[in-house]
C-alpha atoms as a PDB file:
ATOM      1  CA  MET A   1     -10.245   1.751  11.035  1.00  0.00           C
ATOM      2  CA  ASN A   2      -7.661   4.522  11.655  1.00  0.00           C
ATOM      3  CA  ASP A   3      -4.557   4.575  13.764  1.00  0.00           C
ATOM      4  CA  ARG A   4      -6.048   5.303  17.295  1.00  0.00           C
ATOM      5  CA  GLN A   5      -8.568   2.379  16.857  1.00  0.00           C
ATOM      6  CA  LEU A   6      -5.752   0.434  15.519  1.00  0.00           C
ATOM      7  CA  LEU A   7      -3.814   0.844  18.543  1.00  0.00           C
ATOM      8  CA  VAL A   8      -6.301   0.610  21.060  1.00  0.00           C
ATOM      9  CA  ALA A   9      -6.836  -3.096  19.290  1.00  0.00           C
ATOM     10  CA  GLY A  10      -3.630  -3.920  19.300  1.00  0.00           C
ATOM     11  CA  ALA A  11      -3.355  -2.900  22.929  1.00  0.00           C
ATOM     12  CA  ALA A  12      -6.655  -4.591  24.152  1.00  0.00           C
ATOM     13  CA  ASN A  13      -5.601  -7.574  22.190  1.00  0.00           C
ATOM     14  CA  MET A  14      -2.057  -8.103  23.709  1.00  0.00           C
ATOM     15  CA  PHE A  15      -3.660  -7.793  27.599  1.00  0.00           C
ATOM     16  CA  ILE A  16      -5.972 -10.401  26.778  1.00  0.00           C
ATOM     17  CA  ALA A  17      -3.483 -12.634  24.906  1.00  0.00           C
ATOM     18  CA  ILE A  18      -1.510 -11.921  28.231  1.00  0.00           C
ATOM     19  CA  ALA A  19      -3.958 -12.656  30.353  1.00  0.00           C
ATOM     20  CA  ALA A  20      -5.197 -15.957  28.162  1.00  0.00           C
ATOM     21  CA  GLY A  21      -1.443 -17.152  28.573  1.00  0.00           C
ATOM     22  CA  ALA A  22      -1.484 -16.946  31.822  1.00  0.00           C
ATOM     23  CA  PHE A  23      -4.847 -18.242  32.691  1.00  0.00           C
ATOM     24  CA  GLY A  24      -3.969 -21.382  30.588  1.00  0.00           C
ATOM     25  CA  ALA A  25      -0.657 -21.881  32.292  1.00  0.00           C
ATOM     26  CA  HIS A  26      -1.876 -21.002  36.007  1.00  0.00           C
ATOM     27  CA  GLY A  27      -5.644 -21.685  35.924  1.00  0.00           C
ATOM     28  CA  LEU A  28      -6.095 -24.876  33.072  1.00  0.00           C
ATOM     29  CA  LYS A  29      -3.072 -26.443  33.645  1.00  0.00           C
ATOM     30  CA  ASN A  30      -4.747 -29.359  36.017  1.00  0.00           C
ATOM     31  CA  MET A  31      -8.229 -28.969  34.094  1.00  0.00           C
ATOM     32  CA  LEU A  32      -6.880 -29.648  30.394  1.00  0.00           C
ATOM     33  CA  SER A  33      -5.136 -32.311  28.368  1.00  0.00           C
ATOM     34  CA  PRO A  34      -1.255 -31.710  27.163  1.00  0.00           C
ATOM     35  CA  GLU A  35      -3.255 -31.344  24.016  1.00  0.00           C
ATOM     36  CA  MET A  36      -6.083 -29.185  24.848  1.00  0.00           C
ATOM     37  CA  LEU A  37      -3.564 -26.701  26.560  1.00  0.00           C
ATOM     38  CA  ALA A  38      -0.974 -26.543  23.301  1.00  0.00           C
ATOM     39  CA  ILE A  39      -4.534 -25.984  21.399  1.00  0.00           C
ATOM     40  CA  TRP A  40      -5.073 -22.950  23.853  1.00  0.00           C
ATOM     41  CA  GLN A  41      -1.550 -21.970  23.865  1.00  0.00           C
ATOM     42  CA  THR A  42      -1.503 -21.763  19.779  1.00  0.00           C
ATOM     43  CA  GLY A  43      -4.529 -19.312  20.034  1.00  0.00           C
ATOM     44  CA  VAL A  44      -2.371 -17.495  22.178  1.00  0.00           C
ATOM     45  CA  THR A  45       0.711 -17.055  20.210  1.00  0.00           C
ATOM     46  CA  TYR A  46      -1.309 -16.219  17.504  1.00  0.00           C
ATOM     47  CA  GLN A  47      -2.973 -13.363  19.098  1.00  0.00           C
ATOM     48  CA  ALA A  48      -0.384 -11.583  20.341  1.00  0.00           C
ATOM     49  CA  SER A  49       1.562 -12.175  17.341  1.00  0.00           C
ATOM     50  CA  HIS A  50      -1.257 -10.357  15.690  1.00  0.00           C
ATOM     51  CA  GLY A  51      -1.514  -7.816  18.582  1.00  0.00           C
ATOM     52  CA  LEU A  52       1.757  -7.221  18.139  1.00  0.00           C
ATOM     53  CA  GLY A  53       0.699  -6.255  13.701  1.00  0.00           C
ATOM     54  CA  LEU A  54      -2.154  -4.119  15.071  1.00  0.00           C
ATOM     55  CA  LEU A  55       0.471  -1.937  16.922  1.00  0.00           C
ATOM     56  CA  LEU A  56       2.740  -2.041  13.748  1.00  0.00           C
ATOM     57  CA  LEU A  57       0.213  -1.230  11.308  1.00  0.00           C
ATOM     58  CA  ALA A  58      -0.416   2.131  13.879  1.00  0.00           C
ATOM     59  CA  VAL A  59       2.899   2.343  13.481  1.00  0.00           C
ATOM     60  CA  LEU A  60       2.980   2.741   9.906  1.00  0.00           C
ATOM     61  CA  TRP A  61      -0.537   4.648   9.679  1.00  0.00           C
ATOM     62  CA  ASP A  62       0.951   7.840   8.594  1.00  0.00           C
ATOM     63  CA  ARG A  63       4.015   5.944   6.550  1.00  0.00           C
ATOM     64  CA  PHE A  64       2.086   3.510   3.909  1.00  0.00           C
ATOM     65  CA  GLY A  65      -1.349   3.623   2.472  1.00  0.00           C
ATOM     66  CA  ARG A  66      -3.982   3.935   5.039  1.00  0.00           C
ATOM     67  CA  ARG A  67      -6.979   2.348   2.915  1.00  0.00           C
ATOM     68  CA  GLN A  68      -4.217  -1.264   2.937  1.00  0.00           C
ATOM     69  CA  LEU A  69      -3.326  -0.810   6.555  1.00  0.00           C
ATOM     70  CA  SER A  70      -7.490  -0.317   7.744  1.00  0.00           C
ATOM     71  CA  TRP A  71      -8.289  -3.375   5.752  1.00  0.00           C
ATOM     72  CA  ALA A  72      -5.176  -4.867   7.243  1.00  0.00           C
ATOM     73  CA  GLY A  73      -6.473  -4.429  10.701  1.00  0.00           C
ATOM     74  CA  ALA A  74      -9.950  -5.054  10.307  1.00  0.00           C
ATOM     75  CA  LEU A  75      -8.705  -8.289   8.967  1.00  0.00           C
ATOM     76  CA  MET A  76      -6.232  -9.257  11.673  1.00  0.00           C
ATOM     77  CA  LEU A  77      -8.995  -8.303  13.955  1.00  0.00           C
ATOM     78  CA  LEU A  78     -11.268 -11.059  12.103  1.00  0.00           C
ATOM     79  CA  GLY A  79      -8.461 -13.437  12.430  1.00  0.00           C
ATOM     80  CA  ILE A  80      -7.949 -12.916  15.943  1.00  0.00           C
ATOM     81  CA  VAL A  81     -11.284 -13.814  16.542  1.00  0.00           C
ATOM     82  CA  LEU A  82     -11.990 -16.997  14.131  1.00  0.00           C
ATOM     83  CA  PHE A  83      -8.362 -18.521  14.856  1.00  0.00           C
ATOM     84  CA  SER A  84      -7.841 -17.475  18.542  1.00  0.00           C
ATOM     85  CA  GLY A  85     -11.297 -17.583  19.579  1.00  0.00           C
ATOM     86  CA  SER A  86     -11.931 -20.947  17.911  1.00  0.00           C
ATOM     87  CA  LEU A  87      -9.267 -22.783  19.389  1.00  0.00           C
ATOM     88  CA  TYR A  88      -9.782 -21.096  22.631  1.00  0.00           C
ATOM     89  CA  LEU A  89     -13.343 -22.439  22.926  1.00  0.00           C
ATOM     90  CA  LEU A  90     -12.363 -25.765  21.399  1.00  0.00           C
ATOM     91  CA  ALA A  91      -9.745 -26.010  24.449  1.00  0.00           C
ATOM     92  CA  LEU A  92     -12.199 -25.226  26.770  1.00  0.00           C
ATOM     93  CA  THR A  93     -15.067 -27.532  25.186  1.00  0.00           C
ATOM     94  CA  GLY A  94     -13.461 -30.281  23.384  1.00  0.00           C
ATOM     95  CA  VAL A  95     -16.028 -29.658  20.708  1.00  0.00           C
ATOM     96  CA  ARG A  96     -14.055 -30.767  17.829  1.00  0.00           C
ATOM     97  CA  MET A  97     -16.215 -29.274  14.758  1.00  0.00           C
ATOM     98  CA  LEU A  98     -15.261 -25.767  16.065  1.00  0.00           C
ATOM     99  CA  GLY A  99     -11.537 -26.613  14.975  1.00  0.00           C
ATOM    100  CA  ALA A 100     -13.118 -25.905  11.641  1.00  0.00           C
ATOM    101  CA  VAL A 101     -13.782 -22.349  12.541  1.00  0.00           C
ATOM    102  CA  THR A 102      -9.695 -21.861  12.597  1.00  0.00           C
ATOM    103  CA  PRO A 103      -8.631 -22.406   9.306  1.00  0.00           C
ATOM    104  CA  PHE A 104     -11.134 -19.374   8.209  1.00  0.00           C
ATOM    105  CA  GLY A 105      -9.723 -16.776  10.722  1.00  0.00           C
ATOM    106  CA  GLY A 106      -6.077 -18.343   9.286  1.00  0.00           C
ATOM    107  CA  VAL A 107      -6.909 -16.751   5.674  1.00  0.00           C
ATOM    108  CA  ALA A 108      -7.932 -13.342   7.608  1.00  0.00           C
ATOM    109  CA  PHE A 109      -4.274 -13.750   8.501  1.00  0.00           C
ATOM    110  CA  LEU A 110      -2.614 -14.444   5.332  1.00  0.00           C
ATOM    111  CA  ALA A 111      -5.390 -11.780   3.541  1.00  0.00           C
ATOM    112  CA  ALA A 112      -4.520  -8.978   6.259  1.00  0.00           C
ATOM    113  CA  TRP A 113      -0.599  -9.585   5.642  1.00  0.00           C
ATOM    114  CA  ALA A 114      -0.922  -9.387   2.109  1.00  0.00           C
ATOM    115  CA  MET A 115      -2.985  -6.237   2.770  1.00  0.00           C
ATOM    116  CA  VAL A 116       0.541  -4.507   4.378  1.00  0.00           C
ATOM    117  CA  MET A 117       2.647  -6.463   1.668  1.00  0.00           C
ATOM    118  CA  TRP A 118       0.216  -4.209  -0.825  1.00  0.00           C
ATOM    119  CA  ALA A 119       0.559  -0.784   0.803  1.00  0.00           C
ATOM    120  CA  GLY A 120       4.274  -1.386   1.206  1.00  0.00           C
ATOM    121  CA  VAL A 121       3.946  -1.857  -2.859  1.00  0.00           C
ATOM    122  CA  ARG A 122       1.805   0.747  -3.779  1.00  0.00           C
ATOM    123  CA  SER A 123       3.570   3.303  -1.257  1.00  0.00           C
ATOM    124  CA  ARG A 124       4.351   6.683  -3.116  1.00  0.00           C
ATOM    125  CA  ARG A 125       6.965   7.945  -0.232  1.00  0.00           C
ATOM    126  CA  ASP A 126      10.463   8.222  -1.197  1.00  0.00           C
ATOM    127  CA  SER A 127      12.344   5.187   0.612  1.00  0.00           C
ATOM    128  CA  GLY A 128      15.085   8.208   1.459  1.00  0.00           C
ATOM    129  CA  ALA A 129      18.097   7.079  -1.187  1.00  0.00           C
ATOM    130  CA  ALA A 130      19.431  10.011  -2.503  1.00  0.00           C
END
């Protein structure tokens, strides 16, 4: 992924997360149990926070390790699909087996943030100290 792709992916995921949040709050509130609505909202929360993470990666692109940030972006996208996607499907279908996929998305999120940390550690740029 490059900085432009990260920007587009981040903005698209924020768009989807806001739409999904509104849909859950207004369109699903009379259709789903409170437990399933909470599951839906967890998916929205993680999608939005990682959509912002993708935007952050685009901003950091020129300052830190592009290779690590590219990997971080791909892992964040994978995490959104697996984590938030499985929660959305679980909430809509009630199929509990879908919850088995969610932890794989969580691991992808953790790996993404580890790559961001690695990019910071590996950065050779001057931190601005005199």
